[in-house]
Amino acid sequence: MNLVDKINAKSVRKDIPDFRVGDTVRVDYQIVEGKNTRIQAFEGLVVAIKGGSIGKTFTVRKKSGSVAVKRVFKVNSPLIDKVTVVRKGYVRRAKLNFIDKMAKEYNVKERN
């Protein structure tokens, strides 16, 4: 293990649960508004997971009203309060970026 790996190992968070693409997660994220901070929940489908180690990111897609919103979160960010897996889903793809272009809603099967 070289020096860079030792430094990265200190910054990796251990309290984030394991989840995969297709799972529905709730991310409690700290939002800073001036001097105030508050925690806002963002719940949706995990569409993509990129990177590894310290630079790992995941994209969550939720639907508010008739508009779909995608948001990218860094797994090791100190602004993430907690991540909760609401529902485990089974998909046969590594990235679900095609969902935005579909006319009907995409159904994800339940995983045990």
PDB file of N, CA and C in Angstrom:
ATOM      1  N   MET A   1       0.851  -1.174   0.000  1.00  0.00           N
ATOM      2  CA  MET A   1       0.000   0.000   0.000  1.00  0.00           C
ATOM      3  C   MET A   1       0.898   1.239   0.000  1.00  0.00           C
ATOM      4  N   ASN A   2       0.717   2.082  -0.999  1.00  0.00           N
ATOM      5  CA  ASN A   2       1.547   3.275  -1.086  1.00  0.00           C
ATOM      6  C   ASN A   2       0.958   4.411  -0.257  1.00  0.00           C
ATOM      7  N   LEU A   3       1.623   5.538  -0.265  1.00  0.00           N
ATOM      8  CA  LEU A   3       1.251   6.671   0.580  1.00  0.00           C
ATOM      9  C   LEU A   3      -0.125   7.238   0.217  1.00  0.00           C
ATOM     10  N   VAL A   4      -0.440   7.310  -1.066  1.00  0.00           N
ATOM     11  CA  VAL A   4      -1.731   7.849  -1.493  1.00  0.00           C
ATOM     12  C   VAL A   4      -2.872   6.969  -0.986  1.00  0.00           C
ATOM     13  N   ASP A   5      -2.714   5.663  -1.062  1.00  0.00           N
ATOM     14  CA  ASP A   5      -3.748   4.751  -0.576  1.00  0.00           C
ATOM     15  C   ASP A   5      -3.943   4.863   0.931  1.00  0.00           C
ATOM     16  N   LYS A   6      -2.877   5.097   1.672  1.00  0.00           N
ATOM     17  CA  LYS A   6      -2.987   5.258   3.130  1.00  0.00           C
ATOM     18  C   LYS A   6      -3.769   6.519   3.484  1.00  0.00           C
ATOM     19  N   ILE A   7      -3.520   7.593   2.756  1.00  0.00           N
ATOM     20  CA  ILE A   7      -4.227   8.852   3.020  1.00  0.00           C
ATOM     21  C   ILE A   7      -5.701   8.715   2.629  1.00  0.00           C
ATOM     22  N   ASN A   8      -5.987   8.063   1.496  1.00  0.00           N
ATOM     23  CA  ASN A   8      -7.366   7.871   1.059  1.00  0.00           C
ATOM     24  C   ASN A   8      -8.136   6.964   2.006  1.00  0.00           C
ATOM     25  N   ALA A   9      -7.478   5.979   2.589  1.00  0.00           N
ATOM     26  CA  ALA A   9      -8.149   5.045   3.493  1.00  0.00           C
ATOM     27  C   ALA A   9      -8.669   5.750   4.746  1.00  0.00           C
ATOM     28  N   LYS A  10      -8.016   6.821   5.163  1.00  0.00           N
ATOM     29  CA  LYS A  10      -8.481   7.576   6.336  1.00  0.00           C
ATOM     30  C   LYS A  10      -9.759   8.357   6.036  1.00  0.00           C
ATOM     31  N   SER A  11      -9.953   8.762   4.776  1.00  0.00           N
ATOM     32  CA  SER A  11     -11.088   9.600   4.411  1.00  0.00           C
ATOM     33  C   SER A  11     -12.320   8.815   3.976  1.00  0.00           C
ATOM     34  N   VAL A  12     -12.199   7.517   3.757  1.00  0.00           N
ATOM     35  CA  VAL A  12     -13.324   6.708   3.310  1.00  0.00           C
ATOM     36  C   VAL A  12     -14.274   6.479   4.472  1.00  0.00           C
ATOM     37  N   ARG A  13     -15.577   6.721   4.227  1.00  0.00           N
ATOM     38  CA  ARG A  13     -16.589   6.558   5.279  1.00  0.00           C
ATOM     39  C   ARG A  13     -17.019   5.104   5.393  1.00  0.00           C
ATOM     40  N   LYS A  14     -17.168   4.655   6.622  1.00  0.00           N
ATOM     41  CA  LYS A  14     -17.562   3.273   6.875  1.00  0.00           C
ATOM     42  C   LYS A  14     -19.050   3.166   7.218  1.00  0.00           C
ATOM     43  N   ASP A  15     -19.733   4.276   7.478  1.00  0.00           N
ATOM     44  CA  ASP A  15     -21.122   4.236   7.941  1.00  0.00           C
ATOM     45  C   ASP A  15     -22.147   4.233   6.798  1.00  0.00           C
ATOM     46  N   ILE A  16     -21.707   4.275   5.552  1.00  0.00           N
ATOM     47  CA  ILE A  16     -22.614   4.254   4.413  1.00  0.00           C
ATOM     48  C   ILE A  16     -22.939   2.792   4.085  1.00  0.00           C
ATOM     49  N   PRO A  17     -24.229   2.432   3.994  1.00  0.00           N
ATOM     50  CA  PRO A  17     -24.579   1.027   3.709  1.00  0.00           C
ATOM     51  C   PRO A  17     -24.274   0.665   2.256  1.00  0.00           C
ATOM     52  N   ASP A  18     -24.186  -0.629   2.002  1.00  0.00           N
ATOM     53  CA  ASP A  18     -23.976  -1.098   0.638  1.00  0.00           C
ATOM     54  C   ASP A  18     -25.288  -1.011  -0.133  1.00  0.00           C
ATOM     55  N   PHE A  19     -25.233  -0.431  -1.314  1.00  0.00           N
ATOM     56  CA  PHE A  19     -26.405  -0.373  -2.193  1.00  0.00           C
ATOM     57  C   PHE A  19     -25.922  -0.499  -3.618  1.00  0.00           C
ATOM     58  N   ARG A  20     -26.844  -0.854  -4.501  1.00  0.00           N
ATOM     59  CA  ARG A  20     -26.521  -1.068  -5.901  1.00  0.00           C
ATOM     60  C   ARG A  20     -27.437  -0.226  -6.777  1.00  0.00           C
ATOM     61  N   VAL A  21     -27.141  -0.235  -8.061  1.00  0.00           N
ATOM     62  CA  VAL A  21     -28.006   0.445  -9.025  1.00  0.00           C
ATOM     63  C   VAL A  21     -29.351  -0.279  -9.037  1.00  0.00           C
ATOM     64  N   GLY A  22     -30.428   0.467  -8.997  1.00  0.00           N
ATOM     65  CA  GLY A  22     -31.770  -0.098  -8.948  1.00  0.00           C
ATOM     66  C   GLY A  22     -32.397  -0.014  -7.577  1.00  0.00           C
ATOM     67  N   ASP A  23     -31.592   0.255  -6.541  1.00  0.00           N
ATOM     68  CA  ASP A  23     -32.131   0.403  -5.194  1.00  0.00           C
ATOM     69  C   ASP A  23     -32.743   1.787  -5.024  1.00  0.00           C
ATOM     70  N   THR A  24     -33.736   1.870  -4.170  1.00  0.00           N
ATOM     71  CA  THR A  24     -34.317   3.158  -3.800  1.00  0.00           C
ATOM     72  C   THR A  24     -33.692   3.572  -2.480  1.00  0.00           C
ATOM     73  N   VAL A  25     -33.100   4.750  -2.440  1.00  0.00           N
ATOM     74  CA  VAL A  25     -32.406   5.218  -1.242  1.00  0.00           C
ATOM     75  C   VAL A  25     -32.944   6.575  -0.814  1.00  0.00           C
ATOM     76  N   ARG A  26     -32.786   6.871   0.471  1.00  0.00           N
ATOM     77  CA  ARG A  26     -33.085   8.191   1.009  1.00  0.00           C
ATOM     78  C   ARG A  26     -31.778   8.768   1.526  1.00  0.00           C
ATOM     79  N   VAL A  27     -31.368   9.900   0.946  1.00  0.00           N
ATOM     80  CA  VAL A  27     -30.123  10.562   1.317  1.00  0.00           C
ATOM     81  C   VAL A  27     -30.479  11.785   2.142  1.00  0.00           C
ATOM     82  N   ASP A  28     -30.036  11.819   3.401  1.00  0.00           N
ATOM     83  CA  ASP A  28     -30.215  12.999   4.247  1.00  0.00           C
ATOM     84  C   ASP A  28     -28.991  13.879   4.058  1.00  0.00           C
ATOM     85  N   TYR A  29     -29.191  15.036   3.428  1.00  0.00           N
ATOM     86  CA  TYR A  29     -28.115  15.904   2.979  1.00  0.00           C
ATOM     87  C   TYR A  29     -28.193  17.247   3.689  1.00  0.00           C
ATOM     88  N   GLN A  30     -27.059  17.739   4.167  1.00  0.00           N
ATOM     89  CA  GLN A  30     -27.023  19.045   4.843  1.00  0.00           C
ATOM     90  C   GLN A  30     -27.012  20.149   3.798  1.00  0.00           C
ATOM     91  N   ILE A  31     -27.904  21.104   3.982  1.00  0.00           N
ATOM     92  CA  ILE A  31     -27.972  22.265   3.091  1.00  0.00           C
ATOM     93  C   ILE A  31     -27.651  23.497   3.916  1.00  0.00           C
ATOM     94  N   VAL A  32     -26.726  24.303   3.407  1.00  0.00           N
ATOM     95  CA  VAL A  32     -26.296  25.514   4.106  1.00  0.00           C
ATOM     96  C   VAL A  32     -26.968  26.708   3.441  1.00  0.00           C
ATOM     97  N   GLU A  33     -27.753  27.454   4.235  1.00  0.00           N
ATOM     98  CA  GLU A  33     -28.413  28.666   3.761  1.00  0.00           C
ATOM     99  C   GLU A  33     -27.954  29.817   4.645  1.00  0.00           C
ATOM    100  N   GLY A  34     -26.979  30.536   4.175  1.00  0.00           N
ATOM    101  CA  GLY A  34     -26.424  31.618   4.989  1.00  0.00           C
ATOM    102  C   GLY A  34     -25.696  31.048   6.188  1.00  0.00           C
ATOM    103  N   LYS A  35     -26.174  31.401   7.398  1.00  0.00           N
ATOM    104  CA  LYS A  35     -25.573  30.871   8.620  1.00  0.00           C
ATOM    105  C   LYS A  35     -26.280  29.610   9.108  1.00  0.00           C
ATOM    106  N   ASN A  36     -27.458  29.338   8.564  1.00  0.00           N
ATOM    107  CA  ASN A  36     -28.239  28.193   9.024  1.00  0.00           C
ATOM    108  C   ASN A  36     -27.927  26.944   8.204  1.00  0.00           C
ATOM    109  N   THR A  37     -27.964  25.805   8.852  1.00  0.00           N
ATOM    110  CA  THR A  37     -27.859  24.527   8.153  1.00  0.00           C
ATOM    111  C   THR A  37     -29.086  23.698   8.505  1.00  0.00           C
ATOM    112  N   ARG A  38     -29.553  22.961   7.522  1.00  0.00           N
ATOM    113  CA  ARG A  38     -30.685  22.077   7.754  1.00  0.00           C
ATOM    114  C   ARG A  38     -30.446  20.797   6.974  1.00  0.00           C
ATOM    115  N   ILE A  39     -31.160  19.750   7.353  1.00  0.00           N
ATOM    116  CA  ILE A  39     -31.034  18.469   6.686  1.00  0.00           C
ATOM    117  C   ILE A  39     -32.270  18.248   5.829  1.00  0.00           C
ATOM    118  N   GLN A  40     -32.044  17.956   4.561  1.00  0.00           N
ATOM    119  CA  GLN A  40     -33.129  17.721   3.631  1.00  0.00           C
ATOM    120  C   GLN A  40     -32.999  16.310   3.071  1.00  0.00           C
ATOM    121  N   ALA A  41     -34.107  15.584   3.014  1.00  0.00           N
ATOM    122  CA  ALA A  41     -34.100  14.217   2.502  1.00  0.00           C
ATOM    123  C   ALA A  41     -34.340  14.237   0.995  1.00  0.00           C
ATOM    124  N   PHE A  42     -33.581  13.426   0.284  1.00  0.00           N
ATOM    125  CA  PHE A  42     -33.713  13.271  -1.165  1.00  0.00           C
ATOM    126  C   PHE A  42     -33.880  11.780  -1.414  1.00  0.00           C
ATOM    127  N   GLU A  43     -35.092  11.355  -1.776  1.00  0.00           N
ATOM    128  CA  GLU A  43     -35.382   9.929  -1.931  1.00  0.00           C
ATOM    129  C   GLU A  43     -35.668   9.616  -3.386  1.00  0.00           C
ATOM    130  N   GLY A  44     -34.982   8.601  -3.901  1.00  0.00           N
ATOM    131  CA  GLY A  44     -35.206   8.221  -5.285  1.00  0.00           C
ATOM    132  C   GLY A  44     -34.431   6.977  -5.673  1.00  0.00           C
ATOM    133  N   LEU A  45     -34.430   6.689  -6.956  1.00  0.00           N
ATOM    134  CA  LEU A  45     -33.815   5.500  -7.526  1.00  0.00           C
ATOM    135  C   LEU A  45     -32.346   5.772  -7.834  1.00  0.00           C
ATOM    136  N   VAL A  46     -31.478   4.845  -7.453  1.00  0.00           N
ATOM    137  CA  VAL A  46     -30.055   4.965  -7.791  1.00  0.00           C
ATOM    138  C   VAL A  46     -29.910   4.587  -9.255  1.00  0.00           C
ATOM    139  N   VAL A  47     -29.444   5.551 -10.068  1.00  0.00           N
ATOM    140  CA  VAL A  47     -29.361   5.380 -11.509  1.00  0.00           C
ATOM    141  C   VAL A  47     -27.958   4.974 -11.931  1.00  0.00           C
ATOM    142  N   ALA A  48     -26.931   5.457 -11.237  1.00  0.00           N
ATOM    143  CA  ALA A  48     -25.551   5.170 -11.626  1.00  0.00           C
ATOM    144  C   ALA A  48     -24.646   5.258 -10.416  1.00  0.00           C
ATOM    145  N   ILE A  49     -23.586   4.461 -10.449  1.00  0.00           N
ATOM    146  CA  ILE A  49     -22.517   4.531  -9.452  1.00  0.00           C
ATOM    147  C   ILE A  49     -21.216   4.602 -10.225  1.00  0.00           C
ATOM    148  N   LYS A  50     -20.387   5.599  -9.908  1.00  0.00           N
ATOM    149  CA  LYS A  50     -19.125   5.799 -10.619  1.00  0.00           C
ATOM    150  C   LYS A  50     -17.974   5.853  -9.638  1.00  0.00           C
ATOM    151  N   GLY A  51     -16.798   5.537 -10.121  1.00  0.00           N
ATOM    152  CA  GLY A  51     -15.572   5.707  -9.363  1.00  0.00           C
ATOM    153  C   GLY A  51     -15.395   4.664  -8.281  1.00  0.00           C
ATOM    154  N   GLY A  52     -14.430   4.920  -7.449  1.00  0.00           N
ATOM    155  CA  GLY A  52     -14.132   4.021  -6.349  1.00  0.00           C
ATOM    156  C   GLY A  52     -13.306   4.748  -5.327  1.00  0.00           C
ATOM    157  N   SER A  53     -13.127   4.140  -4.186  1.00  0.00           N
ATOM    158  CA  SER A  53     -12.316   4.670  -3.096  1.00  0.00           C
ATOM    159  C   SER A  53     -12.839   6.038  -2.663  1.00  0.00           C
ATOM    160  N   ILE A  54     -12.009   7.046  -2.731  1.00  0.00           N
ATOM    161  CA  ILE A  54     -12.356   8.369  -2.214  1.00  0.00           C
ATOM    162  C   ILE A  54     -13.250   9.151  -3.180  1.00  0.00           C
ATOM    163  N   GLY A  55     -13.177   8.867  -4.478  1.00  0.00           N
ATOM    164  CA  GLY A  55     -13.920   9.638  -5.473  1.00  0.00           C
ATOM    165  C   GLY A  55     -15.201   8.983  -5.923  1.00  0.00           C
ATOM    166  N   LYS A  56     -15.758   8.093  -5.137  1.00  0.00           N
ATOM    167  CA  LYS A  56     -16.956   7.355  -5.539  1.00  0.00           C
ATOM    168  C   LYS A  56     -18.180   8.265  -5.478  1.00  0.00           C
ATOM    169  N   THR A  57     -18.990   8.253  -6.545  1.00  0.00           N
ATOM    170  CA  THR A  57     -20.210   9.052  -6.602  1.00  0.00           C
ATOM    171  C   THR A  57     -21.378   8.164  -7.008  1.00  0.00           C
ATOM    172  N   PHE A  58     -22.570   8.608  -6.651  1.00  0.00           N
ATOM    173  CA  PHE A  58     -23.777   7.918  -7.094  1.00  0.00           C
ATOM    174  C   PHE A  58     -24.823   8.947  -7.476  1.00  0.00           C
ATOM    175  N   THR A  59     -25.641   8.594  -8.471  1.00  0.00           N
ATOM    176  CA  THR A  59     -26.658   9.484  -8.991  1.00  0.00           C
ATOM    177  C   THR A  59     -28.025   8.959  -8.579  1.00  0.00           C
ATOM    178  N   VAL A  60     -28.847   9.844  -8.010  1.00  0.00           N
ATOM    179  CA  VAL A  60     -30.185   9.488  -7.560  1.00  0.00           C
ATOM    180  C   VAL A  60     -31.188  10.278  -8.392  1.00  0.00           C
ATOM    181  N   ARG A  61     -32.220   9.586  -8.868  1.00  0.00           N
ATOM    182  CA  ARG A  61     -33.258  10.222  -9.677  1.00  0.00           C
ATOM    183  C   ARG A  61     -34.585  10.115  -8.937  1.00  0.00           C
ATOM    184  N   LYS A  62     -35.222  11.257  -8.740  1.00  0.00           N
ATOM    185  CA  LYS A  62     -36.548  11.252  -8.130  1.00  0.00           C
ATOM    186  C   LYS A  62     -37.494  12.037  -9.021  1.00  0.00           C
ATOM    187  N   LYS A  63     -38.760  11.767  -8.839  1.00  0.00           N
ATOM    188  CA  LYS A  63     -39.767  12.461  -9.625  1.00  0.00           C
ATOM    189  C   LYS A  63     -40.566  13.353  -8.697  1.00  0.00           C
ATOM    190  N   SER A  64     -40.544  14.679  -8.942  1.00  0.00           N
ATOM    191  CA  SER A  64     -41.382  15.588  -8.175  1.00  0.00           C
ATOM    192  C   SER A  64     -42.418  16.158  -9.115  1.00  0.00           C
ATOM    193  N   GLY A  65     -43.641  15.755  -8.881  1.00  0.00           N
ATOM    194  CA  GLY A  65     -44.711  16.155  -9.780  1.00  0.00           C
ATOM    195  C   GLY A  65     -44.539  15.441 -11.104  1.00  0.00           C
ATOM    196  N   SER A  66     -44.397  16.204 -12.170  1.00  0.00           N
ATOM    197  CA  SER A  66     -44.175  15.611 -13.484  1.00  0.00           C
ATOM    198  C   SER A  66     -42.752  15.831 -13.979  1.00  0.00           C
ATOM    199  N   VAL A  67     -41.893  16.368 -13.110  1.00  0.00           N
ATOM    200  CA  VAL A  67     -40.520  16.673 -13.489  1.00  0.00           C
ATOM    201  C   VAL A  67     -39.582  15.704 -12.783  1.00  0.00           C
ATOM    202  N   ALA A  68     -38.659  15.118 -13.540  1.00  0.00           N
ATOM    203  CA  ALA A  68     -37.652  14.228 -12.963  1.00  0.00           C
ATOM    204  C   ALA A  68     -36.409  15.028 -12.608  1.00  0.00           C
ATOM    205  N   VAL A  69     -35.865  14.776 -11.415  1.00  0.00           N
ATOM    206  CA  VAL A  69     -34.689  15.492 -10.931  1.00  0.00           C
ATOM    207  C   VAL A  69     -33.601  14.475 -10.654  1.00  0.00           C
ATOM    208  N   LYS A  70     -32.411  14.703 -11.231  1.00  0.00           N
ATOM    209  CA  LYS A  70     -31.258  13.854 -10.956  1.00  0.00           C
ATOM    210  C   LYS A  70     -30.273  14.648 -10.117  1.00  0.00           C
ATOM    211  N   ARG A  71     -29.659  13.965  -9.165  1.00  0.00           N
ATOM    212  CA  ARG A  71     -28.672  14.635  -8.327  1.00  0.00           C
ATOM    213  C   ARG A  71     -27.517  13.681  -8.070  1.00  0.00           C
ATOM    214  N   VAL A  72     -26.304  14.182  -8.171  1.00  0.00           N
ATOM    215  CA  VAL A  72     -25.105  13.383  -7.962  1.00  0.00           C
ATOM    216  C   VAL A  72     -24.569  13.670  -6.567  1.00  0.00           C
ATOM    217  N   PHE A  73     -24.321  12.613  -5.804  1.00  0.00           N
ATOM    218  CA  PHE A  73     -23.786  12.728  -4.455  1.00  0.00           C
ATOM    219  C   PHE A  73     -22.430  12.053  -4.387  1.00  0.00           C
ATOM    220  N   LYS A  74     -21.526  12.634  -3.626  1.00  0.00           N
ATOM    221  CA  LYS A  74     -20.250  11.975  -3.333  1.00  0.00           C
ATOM    222  C   LYS A  74     -20.445  11.118  -2.092  1.00  0.00           C
ATOM    223  N   VAL A  75     -20.013   9.865  -2.162  1.00  0.00           N
ATOM    224  CA  VAL A  75     -20.230   8.931  -1.058  1.00  0.00           C
ATOM    225  C   VAL A  75     -19.497   9.394   0.201  1.00  0.00           C
ATOM    226  N   ASN A  76     -18.304   9.917   0.054  1.00  0.00           N
ATOM    227  CA  ASN A  76     -17.482  10.277   1.201  1.00  0.00           C
ATOM    228  C   ASN A  76     -17.607  11.743   1.601  1.00  0.00           C
ATOM    229  N   SER A  77     -18.647  12.416   1.149  1.00  0.00           N
ATOM    230  CA  SER A  77     -18.837  13.822   1.469  1.00  0.00           C
ATOM    231  C   SER A  77     -19.240  14.001   2.929  1.00  0.00           C
ATOM    232  N   PRO A  78     -18.681  14.998   3.617  1.00  0.00           N
ATOM    233  CA  PRO A  78     -19.104  15.260   4.990  1.00  0.00           C
ATOM    234  C   PRO A  78     -20.499  15.889   5.074  1.00  0.00           C
ATOM    235  N   LEU A  79     -21.054  16.350   3.951  1.00  0.00           N
ATOM    236  CA  LEU A  79     -22.383  16.942   3.949  1.00  0.00           C
ATOM    237  C   LEU A  79     -23.490  15.894   3.967  1.00  0.00           C
ATOM    238  N   ILE A  80     -23.168  14.642   3.655  1.00  0.00           N
ATOM    239  CA  ILE A  80     -24.165  13.573   3.730  1.00  0.00           C
ATOM    240  C   ILE A  80     -24.277  13.141   5.185  1.00  0.00           C
ATOM    241  N   ASP A  81     -25.480  13.291   5.743  1.00  0.00           N
ATOM    242  CA  ASP A  81     -25.717  12.894   7.126  1.00  0.00           C
ATOM    243  C   ASP A  81     -25.860  11.387   7.225  1.00  0.00           C
ATOM    244  N   LYS A  82     -26.758  10.814   6.422  1.00  0.00           N
ATOM    245  CA  LYS A  82     -26.884   9.363   6.374  1.00  0.00           C
ATOM    246  C   LYS A  82     -27.573   8.951   5.085  1.00  0.00           C
ATOM    247  N   VAL A  83     -27.370   7.700   4.725  1.00  0.00           N
ATOM    248  CA  VAL A  83     -28.004   7.102   3.558  1.00  0.00           C
ATOM    249  C   VAL A  83     -28.776   5.887   4.045  1.00  0.00           C
ATOM    250  N   THR A  84     -30.060   5.814   3.683  1.00  0.00           N
ATOM    251  CA  THR A  84     -30.916   4.705   4.085  1.00  0.00           C
ATOM    252  C   THR A  84     -31.431   4.003   2.833  1.00  0.00           C
ATOM    253  N   VAL A  85     -31.286   2.682   2.801  1.00  0.00           N
ATOM    254  CA  VAL A  85     -31.820   1.902   1.685  1.00  0.00           C
ATOM    255  C   VAL A  85     -33.284   1.613   1.988  1.00  0.00           C
ATOM    256  N   VAL A  86     -34.184   2.179   1.183  1.00  0.00           N
ATOM    257  CA  VAL A  86     -35.618   2.027   1.400  1.00  0.00           C
ATOM    258  C   VAL A  86     -36.111   0.727   0.777  1.00  0.00           C
ATOM    259  N   ARG A  87     -35.641   0.439  -0.432  1.00  0.00           N
ATOM    260  CA  ARG A  87     -36.107  -0.732  -1.174  1.00  0.00           C
ATOM    261  C   ARG A  87     -34.974  -1.247  -2.039  1.00  0.00           C
ATOM    262  N   LYS A  88     -34.783  -2.553  -2.061  1.00  0.00           N
ATOM    263  CA  LYS A  88     -33.750  -3.147  -2.897  1.00  0.00           C
ATOM    264  C   LYS A  88     -34.377  -3.558  -4.222  1.00  0.00           C
ATOM    265  N   GLY A  89     -33.748  -3.149  -5.304  1.00  0.00           N
ATOM    266  CA  GLY A  89     -34.288  -3.436  -6.617  1.00  0.00           C
ATOM    267  C   GLY A  89     -33.344  -4.287  -7.436  1.00  0.00           C
ATOM    268  N   TYR A  90     -33.903  -5.008  -8.398  1.00  0.00           N
ATOM    269  CA  TYR A  90     -33.122  -5.867  -9.283  1.00  0.00           C
ATOM    270  C   TYR A  90     -33.201  -5.307 -10.694  1.00  0.00           C
ATOM    271  N   VAL A  91     -32.053  -4.942 -11.249  1.00  0.00           N
ATOM    272  CA  VAL A  91     -31.975  -4.472 -12.631  1.00  0.00           C
ATOM    273  C   VAL A  91     -30.843  -5.214 -13.324  1.00  0.00           C
ATOM    274  N   ARG A  92     -30.886  -5.234 -14.648  1.00  0.00           N
ATOM    275  CA  ARG A  92     -29.883  -5.956 -15.412  1.00  0.00           C
ATOM    276  C   ARG A  92     -28.923  -5.013 -16.124  1.00  0.00           C
ATOM    277  N   ARG A  93     -28.796  -3.815 -15.641  1.00  0.00           N
ATOM    278  CA  ARG A  93     -27.912  -2.831 -16.247  1.00  0.00           C
ATOM    279  C   ARG A  93     -27.020  -2.204 -15.177  1.00  0.00           C
ATOM    280  N   ALA A  94     -25.888  -1.664 -15.600  1.00  0.00           N
ATOM    281  CA  ALA A  94     -24.989  -0.986 -14.682  1.00  0.00           C
ATOM    282  C   ALA A  94     -25.359   0.485 -14.537  1.00  0.00           C
ATOM    283  N   LYS A  95     -25.950   1.061 -15.581  1.00  0.00           N
ATOM    284  CA  LYS A  95     -26.375   2.457 -15.550  1.00  0.00           C
ATOM    285  C   LYS A  95     -27.787   2.532 -16.132  1.00  0.00           C
ATOM    286  N   LEU A  96     -28.643   3.303 -15.490  1.00  0.00           N
ATOM    287  CA  LEU A  96     -30.037   3.425 -15.920  1.00  0.00           C
ATOM    288  C   LEU A  96     -30.316   4.816 -16.479  1.00  0.00           C
ATOM    289  N   ASN A  97     -29.407   5.331 -17.295  1.00  0.00           N
ATOM    290  CA  ASN A  97     -29.567   6.678 -17.836  1.00  0.00           C
ATOM    291  C   ASN A  97     -30.657   6.756 -18.898  1.00  0.00           C
ATOM    292  N   PHE A  98     -31.128   5.621 -19.412  1.00  0.00           N
ATOM    293  CA  PHE A  98     -32.140   5.606 -20.446  1.00  0.00           C
ATOM    294  C   PHE A  98     -33.535   5.911 -19.901  1.00  0.00           C
ATOM    295  N   ILE A  99     -33.701   5.958 -18.593  1.00  0.00           N
ATOM    296  CA  ILE A  99     -35.024   6.133 -17.994  1.00  0.00           C
ATOM    297  C   ILE A  99     -35.633   7.486 -18.383  1.00  0.00           C
ATOM    298  N   ASP A 100     -34.816   8.513 -18.538  1.00  0.00           N
ATOM    299  CA  ASP A 100     -35.338   9.843 -18.885  1.00  0.00           C
ATOM    300  C   ASP A 100     -35.969   9.869 -20.273  1.00  0.00           C
ATOM    301  N   LYS A 101     -35.528   9.002 -21.162  1.00  0.00           N
ATOM    302  CA  LYS A 101     -36.016   9.019 -22.536  1.00  0.00           C
ATOM    303  C   LYS A 101     -37.208   8.100 -22.757  1.00  0.00           C
ATOM    304  N   MET A 102     -37.595   7.336 -21.738  1.00  0.00           N
ATOM    305  CA  MET A 102     -38.717   6.413 -21.885  1.00  0.00           C
ATOM    306  C   MET A 102     -40.040   7.147 -21.750  1.00  0.00           C
ATOM    307  N   ALA A 103     -41.035   6.688 -22.511  1.00  0.00           N
ATOM    308  CA  ALA A 103     -42.352   7.314 -22.466  1.00  0.00           C
ATOM    309  C   ALA A 103     -43.122   6.881 -21.225  1.00  0.00           C
ATOM    310  N   LYS A 104     -43.000   5.615 -20.829  1.00  0.00           N
ATOM    311  CA  LYS A 104     -43.720   5.144 -19.650  1.00  0.00           C
ATOM    312  C   LYS A 104     -42.769   4.992 -18.474  1.00  0.00           C
ATOM    313  N   GLU A 105     -43.335   4.824 -17.308  1.00  0.00           N
ATOM    314  CA  GLU A 105     -42.537   4.709 -16.092  1.00  0.00           C
ATOM    315  C   GLU A 105     -41.829   3.354 -16.055  1.00  0.00           C
ATOM    316  N   TYR A 106     -40.587   3.349 -15.610  1.00  0.00           N
ATOM    317  CA  TYR A 106     -39.773   2.138 -15.537  1.00  0.00           C
ATOM    318  C   TYR A 106     -40.046   1.424 -14.220  1.00  0.00           C
ATOM    319  N   ASN A 107     -40.382   0.143 -14.287  1.00  0.00           N
ATOM    320  CA  ASN A 107     -40.654  -0.633 -13.087  1.00  0.00           C
ATOM    321  C   ASN A 107     -39.436  -1.471 -12.722  1.00  0.00           C
ATOM    322  N   VAL A 108     -39.026  -1.384 -11.476  1.00  0.00           N
ATOM    323  CA  VAL A 108     -37.893  -2.144 -10.968  1.00  0.00           C
ATOM    324  C   VAL A 108     -38.420  -3.285 -10.115  1.00  0.00           C
ATOM    325  N   LYS A 109     -37.925  -4.493 -10.397  1.00  0.00           N
ATOM    326  CA  LYS A 109     -38.340  -5.661  -9.635  1.00  0.00           C
ATOM    327  C   LYS A 109     -37.696  -5.653  -8.261  1.00  0.00           C
ATOM    328  N   GLU A 110     -38.374  -6.262  -7.299  1.00  0.00           N
ATOM    329  CA  GLU A 110     -37.882  -6.352  -5.919  1.00  0.00           C
ATOM    330  C   GLU A 110     -36.790  -7.421  -5.830  1.00  0.00           C
ATOM    331  N   ARG A 111     -35.738  -7.142  -5.054  1.00  0.00           N
ATOM    332  CA  ARG A 111     -34.649  -8.094  -4.830  1.00  0.00           C
ATOM    333  C   ARG A 111     -34.691  -8.541  -3.380  1.00  0.00           C
ATOM    334  N   ASN A 112     -34.360  -9.796  -3.138  1.00  0.00           N
ATOM    335  CA  ASN A 112     -34.376 -10.324  -1.759  1.00  0.00           C
ATOM    336  C   ASN A 112     -33.175  -9.881  -0.994  1.00  0.00           C
TER     337      ASN A 112
END
